[in-house]
N, C-alpha and C. Protein backbone atom coordinates (compact mmCIF):
# COMPACT_ATOMS: atom_id res chain seq x y z
N MET A 1 0.84 -1.20 0.00
CA MET A 1 0.00 0.00 0.00
C MET A 1 0.88 1.25 0.00
N ILE A 2 0.61 2.16 -0.92
CA ILE A 2 1.36 3.41 -0.98
C ILE A 2 0.79 4.39 0.03
N ALA A 3 1.66 4.93 0.86
CA ALA A 3 1.23 5.82 1.93
C ALA A 3 0.61 7.09 1.37
N PRO A 4 -0.35 7.68 2.08
CA PRO A 4 -0.98 8.91 1.60
C PRO A 4 -0.06 10.11 1.74
N SER A 5 -0.28 11.11 0.90
CA SER A 5 0.40 12.38 1.08
C SER A 5 -0.23 13.13 2.23
N ASN A 6 0.50 14.01 2.83
CA ASN A 6 -0.04 14.88 3.87
C ASN A 6 -0.56 16.14 3.19
N PRO A 7 -1.90 16.33 3.13
CA PRO A 7 -2.42 17.49 2.41
C PRO A 7 -1.89 18.82 2.92
N GLY A 8 -1.55 18.86 4.22
CA GLY A 8 -1.07 20.11 4.78
C GLY A 8 0.34 20.47 4.34
N THR A 9 1.12 19.44 3.96
CA THR A 9 2.50 19.69 3.55
C THR A 9 2.78 19.14 2.15
N ASP A 10 1.75 18.73 1.44
CA ASP A 10 1.90 18.15 0.11
C ASP A 10 2.53 19.18 -0.83
N PRO A 11 3.75 18.93 -1.33
CA PRO A 11 4.40 19.93 -2.18
C PRO A 11 3.68 20.13 -3.51
N ARG A 12 2.75 19.21 -3.85
CA ARG A 12 2.03 19.37 -5.11
C ARG A 12 0.86 20.34 -4.98
N THR A 13 0.52 20.67 -3.75
CA THR A 13 -0.61 21.58 -3.54
C THR A 13 -0.16 22.76 -2.70
N SER A 14 -0.76 23.89 -2.95
CA SER A 14 -0.46 25.07 -2.15
C SER A 14 -1.51 26.13 -2.43
N MET A 15 -1.42 27.24 -1.71
CA MET A 15 -2.27 28.39 -1.96
C MET A 15 -3.76 28.08 -1.81
N PHE A 16 -4.08 27.22 -0.83
CA PHE A 16 -5.49 26.96 -0.56
C PHE A 16 -6.05 28.05 0.34
N ASN A 17 -7.20 28.52 -0.02
CA ASN A 17 -7.88 29.54 0.78
C ASN A 17 -9.34 29.15 0.88
N ASN A 18 -9.79 28.79 2.07
CA ASN A 18 -11.16 28.31 2.26
C ASN A 18 -11.46 27.12 1.35
N ASN A 19 -10.47 26.22 1.25
CA ASN A 19 -10.61 24.98 0.47
C ASN A 19 -10.80 25.23 -1.03
N SER A 20 -10.46 26.39 -1.51
CA SER A 20 -10.53 26.63 -2.96
C SER A 20 -9.13 26.68 -3.52
N TYR A 21 -8.99 26.27 -4.76
CA TYR A 21 -7.68 26.15 -5.38
C TYR A 21 -7.36 27.40 -6.18
N SER A 22 -6.17 27.92 -6.05
CA SER A 22 -5.76 29.02 -6.93
C SER A 22 -4.66 28.55 -7.87
N GLU A 23 -3.56 28.03 -7.33
CA GLU A 23 -2.52 27.49 -8.19
C GLU A 23 -1.54 26.70 -7.35
N ARG A 24 -0.96 25.66 -7.96
CA ARG A 24 0.01 24.84 -7.24
C ARG A 24 1.39 25.44 -7.38
N ARG A 25 2.07 25.61 -6.29
CA ARG A 25 3.42 26.16 -6.32
C ARG A 25 4.33 25.25 -7.15
N GLY A 26 5.09 25.85 -8.07
CA GLY A 26 6.03 25.08 -8.86
C GLY A 26 5.39 24.30 -9.98
N LYS A 27 4.09 24.44 -10.16
CA LYS A 27 3.40 23.73 -11.23
C LYS A 27 2.93 24.72 -12.28
N GLU A 28 2.52 24.20 -13.41
CA GLU A 28 2.10 25.06 -14.51
C GLU A 28 0.63 24.84 -14.84
N ILE A 29 -0.01 25.91 -15.27
CA ILE A 29 -1.36 25.79 -15.82
C ILE A 29 -1.19 25.30 -17.26
N TYR A 30 -1.74 24.13 -17.54
CA TYR A 30 -1.52 23.51 -18.84
C TYR A 30 -2.28 24.24 -19.94
N LYS A 31 -1.58 24.57 -21.01
CA LYS A 31 -2.19 25.24 -22.15
C LYS A 31 -2.66 24.17 -23.13
N MET A 32 -3.96 23.91 -23.11
CA MET A 32 -4.54 22.86 -23.94
C MET A 32 -4.53 23.25 -25.42
N HIS A 33 -4.58 22.24 -26.28
CA HIS A 33 -4.49 22.45 -27.72
C HIS A 33 -5.86 22.23 -28.38
N LYS A 34 -6.49 23.30 -28.79
CA LYS A 34 -7.84 23.24 -29.34
C LYS A 34 -7.82 22.77 -30.80
N ILE A 35 -8.74 21.82 -31.12
CA ILE A 35 -8.85 21.34 -32.50
C ILE A 35 -10.27 21.47 -33.05
N GLY A 36 -11.24 21.87 -32.22
CA GLY A 36 -12.61 21.99 -32.70
C GLY A 36 -13.55 22.41 -31.59
N THR A 37 -14.85 22.35 -31.87
CA THR A 37 -15.86 22.71 -30.89
C THR A 37 -16.91 21.60 -30.81
N PHE A 38 -17.71 21.65 -29.75
CA PHE A 38 -18.74 20.64 -29.50
C PHE A 38 -19.98 21.35 -28.97
N PHE A 39 -21.16 20.77 -29.23
CA PHE A 39 -22.41 21.46 -28.89
C PHE A 39 -22.66 21.56 -27.39
N SER A 40 -22.03 20.69 -26.60
CA SER A 40 -22.24 20.68 -25.15
C SER A 40 -20.95 21.06 -24.44
N PRO A 41 -21.04 21.75 -23.30
CA PRO A 41 -19.84 22.06 -22.53
C PRO A 41 -19.34 20.89 -21.69
N GLU A 42 -20.12 19.79 -21.61
CA GLU A 42 -19.81 18.70 -20.69
C GLU A 42 -18.84 17.69 -21.29
N CYS A 43 -17.78 17.39 -20.55
CA CYS A 43 -16.77 16.45 -21.04
C CYS A 43 -17.34 15.06 -21.23
N ALA A 44 -18.21 14.62 -20.31
CA ALA A 44 -18.76 13.26 -20.39
C ALA A 44 -19.73 13.11 -21.55
N VAL A 45 -20.45 14.17 -21.89
CA VAL A 45 -21.38 14.11 -23.04
C VAL A 45 -20.59 13.83 -24.31
N TYR A 46 -19.46 14.47 -24.46
CA TYR A 46 -18.59 14.25 -25.63
C TYR A 46 -18.13 12.79 -25.69
N VAL A 47 -17.61 12.29 -24.58
CA VAL A 47 -17.11 10.91 -24.55
C VAL A 47 -18.23 9.92 -24.81
N ASN A 48 -19.35 10.07 -24.12
CA ASN A 48 -20.44 9.11 -24.25
C ASN A 48 -21.06 9.13 -25.63
N ARG A 49 -21.15 10.30 -26.23
CA ARG A 49 -21.72 10.39 -27.58
C ARG A 49 -20.83 9.66 -28.58
N LEU A 50 -19.54 9.83 -28.48
CA LEU A 50 -18.63 9.20 -29.43
C LEU A 50 -18.52 7.69 -29.21
N LEU A 51 -18.81 7.24 -28.01
CA LEU A 51 -18.75 5.81 -27.72
C LEU A 51 -20.12 5.15 -27.80
N ASN A 52 -21.13 5.91 -28.28
CA ASN A 52 -22.50 5.39 -28.40
C ASN A 52 -23.03 4.88 -27.07
N GLN A 53 -22.73 5.61 -26.01
CA GLN A 53 -23.26 5.27 -24.69
C GLN A 53 -24.54 6.07 -24.46
N ILE A 54 -25.13 5.88 -23.29
CA ILE A 54 -26.32 6.63 -22.96
C ILE A 54 -25.99 8.12 -22.94
N PRO A 55 -26.93 8.99 -23.32
CA PRO A 55 -26.64 10.43 -23.33
C PRO A 55 -26.28 10.93 -21.93
N GLY A 56 -25.55 12.01 -21.90
CA GLY A 56 -25.23 12.63 -20.61
C GLY A 56 -24.12 11.89 -19.91
N GLY A 57 -24.34 11.62 -18.64
CA GLY A 57 -23.33 10.94 -17.85
C GLY A 57 -22.48 11.94 -17.08
N SER A 58 -21.43 11.43 -16.46
CA SER A 58 -20.54 12.28 -15.69
C SER A 58 -19.11 11.79 -15.87
N ALA A 59 -18.16 12.66 -15.59
CA ALA A 59 -16.75 12.32 -15.76
C ALA A 59 -16.33 11.19 -14.85
N TRP A 60 -17.03 11.00 -13.74
CA TRP A 60 -16.63 10.01 -12.74
C TRP A 60 -17.45 8.73 -12.79
N ASN A 61 -18.43 8.64 -13.69
CA ASN A 61 -19.21 7.41 -13.83
C ASN A 61 -18.67 6.64 -15.04
N HIS A 62 -17.79 5.68 -14.77
CA HIS A 62 -17.18 4.89 -15.82
C HIS A 62 -17.65 3.43 -15.76
N THR A 63 -18.91 3.22 -15.37
CA THR A 63 -19.41 1.85 -15.26
C THR A 63 -19.49 1.17 -16.62
N TYR A 64 -19.45 1.94 -17.70
CA TYR A 64 -19.49 1.36 -19.05
C TYR A 64 -18.09 0.97 -19.53
N THR A 65 -17.12 0.99 -18.63
CA THR A 65 -15.75 0.62 -18.97
C THR A 65 -15.22 -0.45 -18.03
N THR A 66 -14.13 -1.05 -18.45
CA THR A 66 -13.38 -1.99 -17.61
C THR A 66 -12.04 -1.36 -17.28
N PRO A 67 -11.69 -1.24 -16.00
CA PRO A 67 -10.40 -0.62 -15.65
C PRO A 67 -9.24 -1.36 -16.31
N TYR A 68 -8.29 -0.60 -16.81
CA TYR A 68 -7.11 -1.19 -17.46
C TYR A 68 -5.83 -0.83 -16.69
N ILE A 69 -5.61 0.44 -16.45
CA ILE A 69 -4.53 0.89 -15.58
C ILE A 69 -5.15 1.82 -14.55
N ASP A 70 -5.24 1.36 -13.33
CA ASP A 70 -5.99 2.05 -12.27
C ASP A 70 -5.03 2.70 -11.28
N GLY A 71 -4.90 4.02 -11.36
CA GLY A 71 -4.02 4.72 -10.44
C GLY A 71 -4.51 4.74 -9.01
N TYR A 72 -5.81 4.52 -8.81
CA TYR A 72 -6.37 4.53 -7.45
C TYR A 72 -6.07 3.22 -6.70
N LYS A 73 -5.85 2.16 -7.46
CA LYS A 73 -5.62 0.86 -6.84
C LYS A 73 -4.23 0.81 -6.23
N GLY A 74 -4.18 0.53 -4.94
CA GLY A 74 -2.90 0.39 -4.26
C GLY A 74 -2.47 1.62 -3.48
N ILE A 75 -3.26 2.70 -3.52
CA ILE A 75 -2.90 3.88 -2.73
C ILE A 75 -3.77 3.94 -1.47
N SER A 76 -3.28 4.62 -0.48
CA SER A 76 -4.02 4.76 0.78
C SER A 76 -5.30 5.56 0.56
N LYS A 77 -6.36 5.16 1.28
CA LYS A 77 -7.65 5.85 1.19
C LYS A 77 -7.77 6.96 2.23
N THR A 78 -6.71 7.21 2.99
CA THR A 78 -6.78 8.20 4.07
C THR A 78 -7.26 9.55 3.57
N ASN A 79 -6.65 10.06 2.52
CA ASN A 79 -7.05 11.38 2.02
C ASN A 79 -8.42 11.35 1.35
N ARG A 80 -8.79 10.21 0.78
CA ARG A 80 -10.11 10.10 0.16
C ARG A 80 -11.20 10.36 1.20
N ASN A 81 -10.96 9.89 2.38
CA ASN A 81 -11.95 10.00 3.45
C ASN A 81 -11.83 11.31 4.23
N GLY A 82 -10.95 12.19 3.77
CA GLY A 82 -10.82 13.49 4.43
C GLY A 82 -12.06 14.34 4.23
N SER A 83 -12.14 15.39 4.98
CA SER A 83 -13.39 16.17 5.03
C SER A 83 -13.44 17.35 4.07
N ASN A 84 -12.35 17.64 3.37
CA ASN A 84 -12.40 18.85 2.55
C ASN A 84 -11.78 18.63 1.17
N TYR A 85 -11.86 19.67 0.37
CA TYR A 85 -11.36 19.61 -1.00
C TYR A 85 -9.88 19.27 -1.05
N GLN A 86 -9.09 19.85 -0.18
CA GLN A 86 -7.65 19.64 -0.23
C GLN A 86 -7.30 18.17 -0.02
N ASN A 87 -8.00 17.50 0.90
CA ASN A 87 -7.78 16.08 1.11
C ASN A 87 -8.01 15.29 -0.17
N HIS A 88 -9.16 15.51 -0.78
CA HIS A 88 -9.51 14.71 -1.95
C HIS A 88 -8.64 15.05 -3.14
N PHE A 89 -8.26 16.32 -3.27
CA PHE A 89 -7.37 16.69 -4.35
C PHE A 89 -6.02 15.97 -4.20
N SER A 90 -5.51 15.90 -2.98
CA SER A 90 -4.27 15.16 -2.75
C SER A 90 -4.44 13.68 -3.09
N TYR A 91 -5.63 13.13 -2.79
CA TYR A 91 -5.92 11.73 -3.13
C TYR A 91 -5.86 11.53 -4.64
N ASN A 92 -6.45 12.46 -5.40
CA ASN A 92 -6.42 12.36 -6.86
C ASN A 92 -4.99 12.53 -7.40
N LEU A 93 -4.21 13.40 -6.77
CA LEU A 93 -2.82 13.55 -7.18
C LEU A 93 -2.02 12.28 -6.89
N ASP A 94 -2.31 11.65 -5.74
CA ASP A 94 -1.67 10.37 -5.43
C ASP A 94 -1.99 9.34 -6.52
N ALA A 95 -3.26 9.33 -6.97
CA ALA A 95 -3.67 8.40 -8.02
C ALA A 95 -2.94 8.68 -9.32
N ALA A 96 -2.78 9.96 -9.65
CA ALA A 96 -2.08 10.33 -10.89
C ALA A 96 -0.61 9.93 -10.84
N ASP A 97 0.02 10.13 -9.69
CA ASP A 97 1.42 9.71 -9.55
C ASP A 97 1.55 8.19 -9.58
N ASN A 98 0.57 7.50 -9.00
CA ASN A 98 0.58 6.04 -9.04
C ASN A 98 0.35 5.53 -10.46
N PHE A 99 -0.54 6.19 -11.18
CA PHE A 99 -0.77 5.85 -12.59
C PHE A 99 0.54 5.97 -13.37
N LYS A 100 1.27 7.03 -13.12
CA LYS A 100 2.54 7.24 -13.82
C LYS A 100 3.52 6.09 -13.53
N ARG A 101 3.53 5.61 -12.28
CA ARG A 101 4.42 4.50 -11.92
C ARG A 101 4.03 3.22 -12.66
N LYS A 102 2.73 3.01 -12.83
CA LYS A 102 2.24 1.78 -13.45
C LYS A 102 2.27 1.81 -14.97
N PHE A 103 2.26 2.99 -15.55
CA PHE A 103 2.02 3.14 -16.98
C PHE A 103 3.23 2.73 -17.82
N ASN A 104 2.92 2.02 -18.91
CA ASN A 104 3.93 1.67 -19.91
C ASN A 104 3.24 1.79 -21.27
N VAL A 105 3.69 2.72 -22.09
CA VAL A 105 3.01 2.99 -23.36
C VAL A 105 2.98 1.75 -24.24
N ASN A 106 3.91 0.82 -24.04
CA ASN A 106 3.93 -0.40 -24.85
C ASN A 106 2.78 -1.35 -24.51
N GLN A 107 2.06 -1.06 -23.42
CA GLN A 107 0.89 -1.87 -23.06
C GLN A 107 -0.34 -1.49 -23.90
N LEU A 108 -0.26 -0.38 -24.62
CA LEU A 108 -1.42 0.12 -25.34
C LEU A 108 -1.53 -0.50 -26.73
N ASP A 109 -2.79 -0.71 -27.14
CA ASP A 109 -3.11 -1.25 -28.46
C ASP A 109 -3.52 -0.07 -29.35
N LYS A 110 -2.78 0.16 -30.43
CA LYS A 110 -3.02 1.32 -31.27
C LYS A 110 -4.37 1.30 -31.97
N SER A 111 -5.02 0.15 -32.02
CA SER A 111 -6.35 0.06 -32.64
C SER A 111 -7.48 0.31 -31.65
N GLN A 112 -7.14 0.48 -30.38
CA GLN A 112 -8.13 0.60 -29.30
C GLN A 112 -8.33 2.06 -28.90
N THR A 113 -9.59 2.41 -28.64
CA THR A 113 -9.92 3.70 -28.02
C THR A 113 -10.06 3.47 -26.52
N TYR A 114 -9.38 4.27 -25.72
CA TYR A 114 -9.43 4.15 -24.26
C TYR A 114 -10.14 5.37 -23.66
N VAL A 115 -10.70 5.18 -22.47
CA VAL A 115 -11.30 6.28 -21.73
C VAL A 115 -10.35 6.65 -20.59
N VAL A 116 -10.08 7.93 -20.44
CA VAL A 116 -9.24 8.38 -19.35
C VAL A 116 -10.06 9.15 -18.33
N ASN A 117 -9.74 8.97 -17.07
CA ASN A 117 -10.27 9.79 -15.99
C ASN A 117 -9.15 10.71 -15.55
N MET A 118 -9.47 11.97 -15.28
CA MET A 118 -8.43 12.94 -14.94
C MET A 118 -8.83 13.79 -13.74
N TYR A 119 -7.84 14.22 -12.98
CA TYR A 119 -8.10 15.27 -11.99
C TYR A 119 -8.05 16.60 -12.73
N TYR A 120 -8.80 17.56 -12.23
CA TYR A 120 -8.70 18.93 -12.73
C TYR A 120 -8.72 19.85 -11.52
N ALA A 121 -7.61 20.52 -11.31
CA ALA A 121 -7.46 21.33 -10.10
C ALA A 121 -8.52 22.43 -10.03
N GLY A 122 -9.18 22.52 -8.90
CA GLY A 122 -10.16 23.56 -8.67
C GLY A 122 -11.55 23.25 -9.19
N SER A 123 -11.77 22.03 -9.65
CA SER A 123 -13.09 21.68 -10.19
C SER A 123 -14.17 21.81 -9.13
N PRO A 124 -15.32 22.41 -9.47
CA PRO A 124 -16.42 22.51 -8.51
C PRO A 124 -17.15 21.18 -8.30
N TRP A 125 -16.79 20.16 -9.08
CA TRP A 125 -17.49 18.87 -9.00
C TRP A 125 -16.75 17.86 -8.13
N ASP A 126 -15.80 18.31 -7.36
CA ASP A 126 -15.00 17.40 -6.56
C ASP A 126 -15.84 16.58 -5.59
N TYR A 127 -16.80 17.20 -4.93
CA TYR A 127 -17.61 16.47 -3.95
C TYR A 127 -18.39 15.35 -4.62
N LYS A 128 -18.99 15.65 -5.79
CA LYS A 128 -19.77 14.61 -6.48
C LYS A 128 -18.88 13.47 -6.95
N SER A 129 -17.69 13.80 -7.43
CA SER A 129 -16.82 12.73 -7.91
C SER A 129 -16.39 11.82 -6.77
N ARG A 130 -16.24 12.40 -5.59
CA ARG A 130 -15.84 11.60 -4.43
C ARG A 130 -17.00 10.74 -3.94
N SER A 131 -18.21 11.26 -3.96
CA SER A 131 -19.35 10.53 -3.41
C SER A 131 -20.01 9.59 -4.41
N LYS A 132 -19.84 9.86 -5.72
CA LYS A 132 -20.55 9.07 -6.72
C LYS A 132 -19.64 8.37 -7.73
N GLY A 133 -18.34 8.63 -7.65
CA GLY A 133 -17.42 8.05 -8.63
C GLY A 133 -17.20 6.57 -8.44
N ASN A 134 -16.79 5.92 -9.54
CA ASN A 134 -16.36 4.53 -9.44
C ASN A 134 -15.02 4.49 -8.72
N SER A 135 -14.63 3.34 -8.24
CA SER A 135 -13.38 3.23 -7.49
C SER A 135 -12.17 3.59 -8.36
N TRP A 136 -12.31 3.48 -9.68
CA TRP A 136 -11.20 3.78 -10.58
C TRP A 136 -11.39 5.11 -11.33
N SER A 137 -12.39 5.90 -10.93
CA SER A 137 -12.65 7.14 -11.68
C SER A 137 -13.23 8.23 -10.78
N GLU A 138 -12.41 8.73 -9.87
CA GLU A 138 -12.89 9.78 -8.97
C GLU A 138 -12.41 11.17 -9.37
N GLY A 139 -11.71 11.27 -10.49
CA GLY A 139 -11.35 12.58 -11.02
C GLY A 139 -12.55 13.26 -11.65
N THR A 140 -12.47 14.56 -11.87
CA THR A 140 -13.64 15.32 -12.33
C THR A 140 -13.62 15.63 -13.82
N HIS A 141 -12.72 15.02 -14.57
CA HIS A 141 -12.65 15.29 -16.01
C HIS A 141 -12.41 13.97 -16.74
N THR A 142 -12.88 13.89 -17.99
CA THR A 142 -12.72 12.65 -18.75
C THR A 142 -12.46 12.96 -20.21
N GLY A 143 -11.92 12.00 -20.90
CA GLY A 143 -11.63 12.15 -22.32
C GLY A 143 -11.31 10.81 -22.94
N LEU A 144 -10.87 10.84 -24.20
CA LEU A 144 -10.56 9.63 -24.95
C LEU A 144 -9.08 9.61 -25.32
N LEU A 145 -8.46 8.48 -25.15
CA LEU A 145 -7.08 8.29 -25.55
C LEU A 145 -7.06 7.51 -26.85
N VAL A 146 -6.47 8.08 -27.89
CA VAL A 146 -6.40 7.43 -29.20
C VAL A 146 -5.01 7.62 -29.80
N TYR A 147 -4.68 6.73 -30.70
CA TYR A 147 -3.42 6.88 -31.44
C TYR A 147 -3.77 7.55 -32.77
N ASN A 148 -3.16 8.69 -33.04
CA ASN A 148 -3.56 9.48 -34.21
C ASN A 148 -2.71 9.18 -35.46
N GLY A 149 -1.99 8.07 -35.44
CA GLY A 149 -1.14 7.70 -36.56
C GLY A 149 0.29 8.13 -36.38
N ASN A 150 0.49 9.01 -35.41
CA ASN A 150 1.83 9.51 -35.14
C ASN A 150 2.20 9.38 -33.67
N LYS A 151 1.22 9.65 -32.80
CA LYS A 151 1.47 9.57 -31.36
C LYS A 151 0.15 9.39 -30.63
N TRP A 152 0.24 9.05 -29.35
CA TRP A 152 -0.94 8.92 -28.49
C TRP A 152 -1.37 10.31 -28.03
N VAL A 153 -2.69 10.58 -28.16
CA VAL A 153 -3.23 11.88 -27.75
C VAL A 153 -4.50 11.67 -26.93
N VAL A 154 -4.77 12.63 -26.08
CA VAL A 154 -6.02 12.65 -25.30
C VAL A 154 -6.92 13.71 -25.91
N ARG A 155 -8.11 13.30 -26.35
CA ARG A 155 -9.09 14.24 -26.88
C ARG A 155 -10.17 14.42 -25.84
N HIS A 156 -10.45 15.65 -25.48
CA HIS A 156 -11.40 15.91 -24.41
C HIS A 156 -12.11 17.24 -24.65
N ASN A 157 -13.30 17.33 -24.08
CA ASN A 157 -14.16 18.51 -24.24
C ASN A 157 -14.00 19.40 -23.01
N PHE A 158 -13.55 20.61 -23.25
CA PHE A 158 -13.37 21.56 -22.16
C PHE A 158 -14.27 22.76 -22.42
N HIS A 159 -15.45 22.74 -21.79
CA HIS A 159 -16.44 23.83 -21.93
C HIS A 159 -16.80 24.09 -23.38
N GLY A 160 -16.95 23.02 -24.17
CA GLY A 160 -17.37 23.16 -25.56
C GLY A 160 -16.24 23.24 -26.55
N ASP A 161 -15.01 23.34 -26.08
CA ASP A 161 -13.84 23.32 -26.96
C ASP A 161 -13.22 21.93 -26.91
N ILE A 162 -13.02 21.33 -28.10
CA ILE A 162 -12.40 20.02 -28.15
C ILE A 162 -10.89 20.19 -28.21
N MET A 163 -10.23 19.55 -27.26
CA MET A 163 -8.78 19.65 -27.14
C MET A 163 -8.13 18.33 -27.54
N GLU A 164 -6.94 18.42 -28.12
CA GLU A 164 -6.14 17.24 -28.40
C GLU A 164 -4.76 17.47 -27.83
N ASP A 165 -4.46 16.77 -26.74
CA ASP A 165 -3.21 16.99 -26.02
C ASP A 165 -2.36 15.73 -26.02
N PRO A 166 -1.06 15.88 -26.15
CA PRO A 166 -0.18 14.70 -26.11
C PRO A 166 -0.33 13.94 -24.80
N LEU A 167 -0.44 12.64 -24.91
CA LEU A 167 -0.56 11.80 -23.73
C LEU A 167 0.56 12.08 -22.74
N SER A 168 1.77 12.24 -23.25
CA SER A 168 2.92 12.43 -22.37
C SER A 168 2.79 13.66 -21.49
N ASP A 169 2.05 14.67 -21.94
CA ASP A 169 1.87 15.88 -21.13
C ASP A 169 0.98 15.64 -19.92
N LEU A 170 0.10 14.66 -20.01
CA LEU A 170 -0.93 14.48 -18.98
C LEU A 170 -0.64 13.32 -18.04
N ILE A 171 0.57 12.79 -18.08
CA ILE A 171 0.96 11.72 -17.16
C ILE A 171 1.75 12.34 -16.01
N GLY A 172 1.29 12.06 -14.79
CA GLY A 172 1.92 12.63 -13.60
C GLY A 172 1.19 13.87 -13.13
N THR A 173 1.85 14.66 -12.30
CA THR A 173 1.19 15.81 -11.67
C THR A 173 1.92 17.12 -11.96
N LYS A 174 2.48 17.22 -13.14
CA LYS A 174 3.21 18.43 -13.50
C LYS A 174 2.27 19.61 -13.71
N TYR A 175 1.08 19.33 -14.23
CA TYR A 175 0.15 20.40 -14.59
C TYR A 175 -1.11 20.37 -13.71
N ASN A 176 -2.01 21.31 -14.01
CA ASN A 176 -3.25 21.39 -13.24
C ASN A 176 -4.29 20.37 -13.68
N LEU A 177 -3.95 19.50 -14.62
CA LEU A 177 -4.78 18.34 -14.93
C LEU A 177 -3.87 17.19 -15.29
N GLY A 178 -4.34 15.97 -15.02
CA GLY A 178 -3.53 14.79 -15.29
C GLY A 178 -4.37 13.53 -15.16
N ILE A 179 -3.89 12.46 -15.75
CA ILE A 179 -4.64 11.19 -15.82
C ILE A 179 -4.50 10.41 -14.52
N THR A 180 -5.64 9.94 -14.02
CA THR A 180 -5.66 9.11 -12.81
C THR A 180 -5.91 7.64 -13.12
N SER A 181 -6.61 7.36 -14.24
CA SER A 181 -6.86 5.97 -14.61
C SER A 181 -7.18 5.87 -16.09
N LEU A 182 -7.05 4.66 -16.59
CA LEU A 182 -7.30 4.36 -18.00
C LEU A 182 -8.18 3.13 -18.05
N SER A 183 -9.23 3.17 -18.87
CA SER A 183 -10.13 2.03 -18.94
C SER A 183 -10.55 1.77 -20.38
N ILE A 184 -11.13 0.58 -20.59
CA ILE A 184 -11.53 0.14 -21.92
C ILE A 184 -13.05 0.13 -21.99
N PRO A 185 -13.65 0.77 -23.01
CA PRO A 185 -15.11 0.81 -23.12
C PRO A 185 -15.69 -0.57 -23.39
N LYS A 186 -16.87 -0.81 -22.84
CA LYS A 186 -17.64 -2.01 -23.15
C LYS A 186 -18.63 -1.65 -24.25
N ASN A 187 -19.01 -2.63 -25.05
CA ASN A 187 -20.09 -2.41 -26.00
C ASN A 187 -21.41 -2.43 -25.24
N ARG A 188 -22.22 -1.38 -25.42
CA ARG A 188 -23.52 -1.32 -24.75
C ARG A 188 -24.57 -0.88 -25.73
N ARG A 189 -25.80 -1.26 -25.46
CA ARG A 189 -26.96 -0.87 -26.27
C ARG A 189 -26.81 -1.32 -27.72
N GLY A 190 -26.00 -2.34 -27.94
CA GLY A 190 -25.82 -2.85 -29.29
C GLY A 190 -25.01 -1.95 -30.19
N GLY A 191 -24.45 -0.88 -29.63
CA GLY A 191 -23.72 0.08 -30.45
C GLY A 191 -22.29 -0.35 -30.68
N LYS A 192 -21.72 0.17 -31.75
CA LYS A 192 -20.32 -0.06 -32.03
C LYS A 192 -19.53 1.19 -31.67
N LEU A 193 -18.29 0.99 -31.30
CA LEU A 193 -17.44 2.15 -31.03
C LEU A 193 -17.20 2.89 -32.32
N ILE A 194 -17.29 4.20 -32.27
CA ILE A 194 -17.06 5.01 -33.45
C ILE A 194 -15.60 4.92 -33.87
N SER A 195 -15.36 4.89 -35.16
CA SER A 195 -14.00 4.86 -35.69
C SER A 195 -13.19 6.03 -35.14
N LYS A 196 -11.94 5.77 -34.86
CA LYS A 196 -11.06 6.84 -34.38
C LYS A 196 -10.99 7.98 -35.38
N LYS A 197 -11.15 7.68 -36.66
CA LYS A 197 -11.10 8.72 -37.69
C LYS A 197 -12.26 9.70 -37.55
N SER A 198 -13.35 9.25 -36.90
CA SER A 198 -14.52 10.10 -36.74
C SER A 198 -14.46 10.94 -35.49
N ILE A 199 -13.51 10.67 -34.62
CA ILE A 199 -13.43 11.38 -33.36
C ILE A 199 -12.68 12.69 -33.56
N ILE A 200 -13.38 13.78 -33.35
CA ILE A 200 -12.77 15.10 -33.55
C ILE A 200 -12.21 15.61 -32.24
C-alpha cells in the first residue's frame, strides 16, 4: 500500500484559501491544444456520444468501462476520506502519480480507443466525484485516448472546446490536470465504437 500524502505539507498543492484552489506552487497551468468545438460544454457528453453510450453521464461514472490501468488501486484511502477539497485533491494527485508508476506505453493497443479519468485542479465537482465516482474514476474530467497515426493523444471537451493533447503531457502531476486511470469501453446498447477517424 502506498502511503498517503499529507495534504497540509503536500508539495504538489499550495495556496489553498477556504478549500478553494488558486494554483500549485512550482506547477504550470496547462495550455490545452484546441482542435474543434462541441455542442455541449460537458466532457462526459462528448465521450459518451462518441462511444454510443447513454446520453449525458458524468466524468466520474465509468461503469461502461473496464479498468485497465488504475491509479487509485494500491494507494491509501486516508485522504479520500478526508473532510475537505484539499484532502480529496491530494488523493487524486496520489492516483495520478501512481498511474505514472504503473504506466507503460507499450501496453497500449493502437487500434483501441481508451477512456481516461483525470483530476482537474479547482473543479467545482469534486464532492460529487468523491461521493458518486467509481473506485477507478474519482477525477472530475474525462476524455478519450487514441493513437492518431503519429502519437498517443487525449481528446477531451473543455467547456465546448475540443482539445487534443499529447498523452505524455498528462501523465503525472506536472500540470493542473492529469490522468488518474485508463479504462476500456464495453459495448452497450448494441452500439459499435465510433472509428477513431470520426473522433474530432
